[in-house]
N, C-alpha and C. Protein backbone atom coordinates (compact mmCIF):
# COMPACT_ATOMS: atom_id res chain seq x y z
N MET A 1 -13.65 -43.12 37.38
CA MET A 1 -13.04 -42.41 38.48
C MET A 1 -13.02 -40.92 38.16
N THR A 2 -13.14 -40.16 39.17
CA THR A 2 -13.11 -38.73 38.97
C THR A 2 -11.96 -38.13 39.74
N GLY A 3 -11.51 -36.96 39.34
CA GLY A 3 -10.43 -36.28 40.03
C GLY A 3 -9.08 -36.73 39.54
N ALA A 4 -8.04 -36.13 40.10
CA ALA A 4 -6.66 -36.46 39.71
C ALA A 4 -6.28 -37.81 40.29
N VAL A 5 -5.58 -38.59 39.49
CA VAL A 5 -5.15 -39.91 39.91
C VAL A 5 -3.64 -39.87 40.17
N THR A 6 -3.25 -40.24 41.37
CA THR A 6 -1.84 -40.32 41.71
C THR A 6 -1.36 -41.72 41.36
N THR A 7 -0.31 -41.83 40.57
CA THR A 7 0.18 -43.14 40.16
C THR A 7 1.48 -43.46 40.87
N ALA A 8 1.38 -43.94 42.08
CA ALA A 8 2.55 -44.34 42.86
C ALA A 8 3.02 -45.73 42.46
N TRP A 9 2.12 -46.52 41.87
CA TRP A 9 2.41 -47.91 41.52
C TRP A 9 2.12 -48.13 40.04
N CYS A 10 2.90 -49.00 39.42
CA CYS A 10 2.65 -49.39 38.04
C CYS A 10 1.36 -50.22 38.01
N ASP A 11 0.43 -49.87 37.12
CA ASP A 11 -0.85 -50.58 37.09
C ASP A 11 -0.77 -51.92 36.36
N ARG A 12 0.40 -52.27 35.83
CA ARG A 12 0.56 -53.58 35.20
C ARG A 12 1.34 -54.56 36.07
N CYS A 13 2.52 -54.14 36.58
CA CYS A 13 3.35 -55.07 37.35
C CYS A 13 3.19 -54.91 38.86
N GLY A 14 2.64 -53.78 39.31
CA GLY A 14 2.43 -53.56 40.73
C GLY A 14 3.64 -53.04 41.48
N GLU A 15 4.74 -52.80 40.80
CA GLU A 15 5.94 -52.26 41.45
C GLU A 15 5.88 -50.73 41.49
N ALA A 16 6.74 -50.13 42.28
CA ALA A 16 6.78 -48.67 42.40
C ALA A 16 7.00 -48.04 41.04
N ALA A 17 6.16 -47.08 40.68
CA ALA A 17 6.22 -46.45 39.35
C ALA A 17 7.49 -45.63 39.17
N ALA A 18 8.05 -45.12 40.25
CA ALA A 18 9.22 -44.25 40.16
C ALA A 18 10.53 -45.02 40.04
N THR A 19 10.51 -46.32 40.27
CA THR A 19 11.73 -47.11 40.20
C THR A 19 11.65 -48.14 39.09
N GLY A 20 12.79 -48.46 38.52
CA GLY A 20 12.84 -49.49 37.48
C GLY A 20 12.39 -48.97 36.13
N ASP A 21 12.52 -49.86 35.15
CA ASP A 21 12.13 -49.54 33.78
C ASP A 21 10.77 -50.17 33.49
N HIS A 22 9.79 -49.34 33.18
CA HIS A 22 8.44 -49.83 32.94
C HIS A 22 8.06 -49.73 31.45
N ALA A 23 9.06 -49.71 30.57
CA ALA A 23 8.79 -49.60 29.13
C ALA A 23 7.95 -50.78 28.65
N ALA A 24 8.26 -51.99 29.11
CA ALA A 24 7.49 -53.17 28.70
C ALA A 24 6.06 -53.09 29.23
N CYS A 25 5.90 -52.54 30.42
CA CYS A 25 4.56 -52.37 30.99
C CYS A 25 3.74 -51.40 30.16
N HIS A 26 4.35 -50.29 29.74
CA HIS A 26 3.65 -49.29 28.93
C HIS A 26 3.23 -49.88 27.58
N ARG A 27 4.12 -50.68 26.97
CA ARG A 27 3.77 -51.32 25.69
C ARG A 27 2.63 -52.31 25.88
N ALA A 28 2.68 -53.11 26.94
CA ALA A 28 1.63 -54.10 27.19
C ALA A 28 0.30 -53.43 27.50
N ARG A 29 0.34 -52.29 28.21
CA ARG A 29 -0.90 -51.60 28.59
C ARG A 29 -1.64 -51.01 27.40
N GLU A 30 -0.98 -50.90 26.25
CA GLU A 30 -1.69 -50.45 25.06
C GLU A 30 -2.72 -51.48 24.62
N LEU A 31 -2.52 -52.74 25.00
CA LEU A 31 -3.41 -53.83 24.59
C LEU A 31 -4.16 -54.47 25.75
N GLU A 32 -3.66 -54.32 26.97
CA GLU A 32 -4.23 -55.01 28.13
C GLU A 32 -4.84 -54.03 29.12
N PRO A 33 -5.81 -54.50 29.91
CA PRO A 33 -6.33 -53.67 31.01
C PRO A 33 -5.33 -53.64 32.17
N PRO A 34 -5.48 -52.70 33.09
CA PRO A 34 -4.59 -52.66 34.25
C PRO A 34 -4.85 -53.86 35.17
N ARG A 35 -3.83 -54.25 35.92
CA ARG A 35 -3.96 -55.37 36.86
C ARG A 35 -3.97 -54.88 38.31
N PHE A 36 -3.25 -53.79 38.56
CA PHE A 36 -3.12 -53.26 39.92
C PHE A 36 -3.62 -51.82 39.97
N CYS A 37 -4.17 -51.42 41.11
CA CYS A 37 -4.58 -50.04 41.31
C CYS A 37 -3.33 -49.17 41.39
N PRO A 38 -3.23 -48.11 40.59
CA PRO A 38 -2.04 -47.26 40.63
C PRO A 38 -1.95 -46.40 41.89
N GLN A 39 -3.00 -46.34 42.69
CA GLN A 39 -3.00 -45.55 43.91
C GLN A 39 -2.64 -46.36 45.14
N CYS A 40 -3.08 -47.62 45.21
CA CYS A 40 -2.88 -48.39 46.44
C CYS A 40 -2.24 -49.76 46.23
N ARG A 41 -2.00 -50.14 44.98
CA ARG A 41 -1.34 -51.39 44.61
C ARG A 41 -2.21 -52.63 44.83
N ARG A 42 -3.49 -52.46 45.14
CA ARG A 42 -4.37 -53.62 45.27
C ARG A 42 -4.60 -54.25 43.90
N ARG A 43 -4.73 -55.56 43.88
CA ARG A 43 -5.08 -56.26 42.65
C ARG A 43 -6.53 -55.88 42.32
N MET A 44 -6.79 -55.52 41.06
CA MET A 44 -8.13 -55.09 40.66
C MET A 44 -8.89 -56.23 40.01
N LYS A 45 -10.21 -56.18 40.13
CA LYS A 45 -11.08 -57.12 39.44
C LYS A 45 -11.28 -56.58 38.03
N VAL A 46 -10.89 -57.36 37.02
CA VAL A 46 -10.94 -56.92 35.63
C VAL A 46 -12.02 -57.69 34.89
N GLN A 47 -12.83 -56.97 34.13
CA GLN A 47 -13.84 -57.60 33.29
C GLN A 47 -13.60 -57.15 31.86
N ILE A 48 -13.41 -58.12 30.96
CA ILE A 48 -13.23 -57.83 29.55
C ILE A 48 -14.60 -57.84 28.89
N LEU A 49 -14.90 -56.79 28.16
CA LEU A 49 -16.19 -56.64 27.49
C LEU A 49 -15.97 -56.56 25.99
N PRO A 50 -17.01 -56.81 25.18
CA PRO A 50 -16.83 -56.70 23.72
C PRO A 50 -16.37 -55.30 23.28
N ALA A 51 -16.73 -54.29 24.03
CA ALA A 51 -16.37 -52.92 23.64
C ALA A 51 -15.27 -52.33 24.53
N GLY A 52 -14.47 -53.14 25.22
CA GLY A 52 -13.42 -52.61 26.07
C GLY A 52 -13.26 -53.42 27.34
N TRP A 53 -12.96 -52.73 28.45
CA TRP A 53 -12.76 -53.39 29.73
C TRP A 53 -13.15 -52.47 30.88
N THR A 54 -13.35 -53.07 32.05
CA THR A 54 -13.59 -52.36 33.30
C THR A 54 -12.69 -52.99 34.35
N ALA A 55 -11.98 -52.18 35.11
CA ALA A 55 -11.14 -52.65 36.21
C ALA A 55 -11.61 -51.95 37.48
N THR A 56 -11.84 -52.73 38.53
CA THR A 56 -12.40 -52.18 39.76
C THR A 56 -11.46 -52.41 40.94
N CYS A 57 -11.14 -51.33 41.64
CA CYS A 57 -10.41 -51.38 42.91
C CYS A 57 -11.46 -51.23 44.01
N VAL A 58 -11.42 -52.08 45.02
CA VAL A 58 -12.41 -52.00 46.09
C VAL A 58 -12.32 -50.68 46.85
N GLU A 59 -11.16 -50.05 46.83
CA GLU A 59 -10.97 -48.80 47.56
C GLU A 59 -11.18 -47.56 46.69
N HIS A 60 -10.79 -47.61 45.41
CA HIS A 60 -10.78 -46.41 44.56
C HIS A 60 -11.75 -46.45 43.38
N GLY A 61 -12.53 -47.49 43.26
CA GLY A 61 -13.57 -47.51 42.23
C GLY A 61 -13.13 -48.06 40.89
N ASP A 62 -13.90 -47.68 39.86
CA ASP A 62 -13.76 -48.24 38.51
C ASP A 62 -12.87 -47.41 37.60
N ARG A 63 -12.21 -48.10 36.69
CA ARG A 63 -11.50 -47.50 35.56
C ARG A 63 -12.03 -48.19 34.31
N HIS A 64 -12.15 -47.45 33.24
CA HIS A 64 -12.72 -47.99 32.00
C HIS A 64 -11.76 -47.74 30.85
N SER A 65 -11.92 -48.59 29.79
CA SER A 65 -11.12 -48.38 28.58
C SER A 65 -11.67 -47.23 27.80
């Protein structure tokens, strides 16, 4: 993805990023790929690769490890 990314949603739990405690999400994201698009909250297609991961949002494109 290119450009600035607005993170309105938590990319692990899918809840609003500005509300609640996301400390567990941040710890889990050190080891796991994102599950939700942080811009639109859509569930992303995740592919685990030997050298990392790729997560794809149909609206906002790919994110890579």
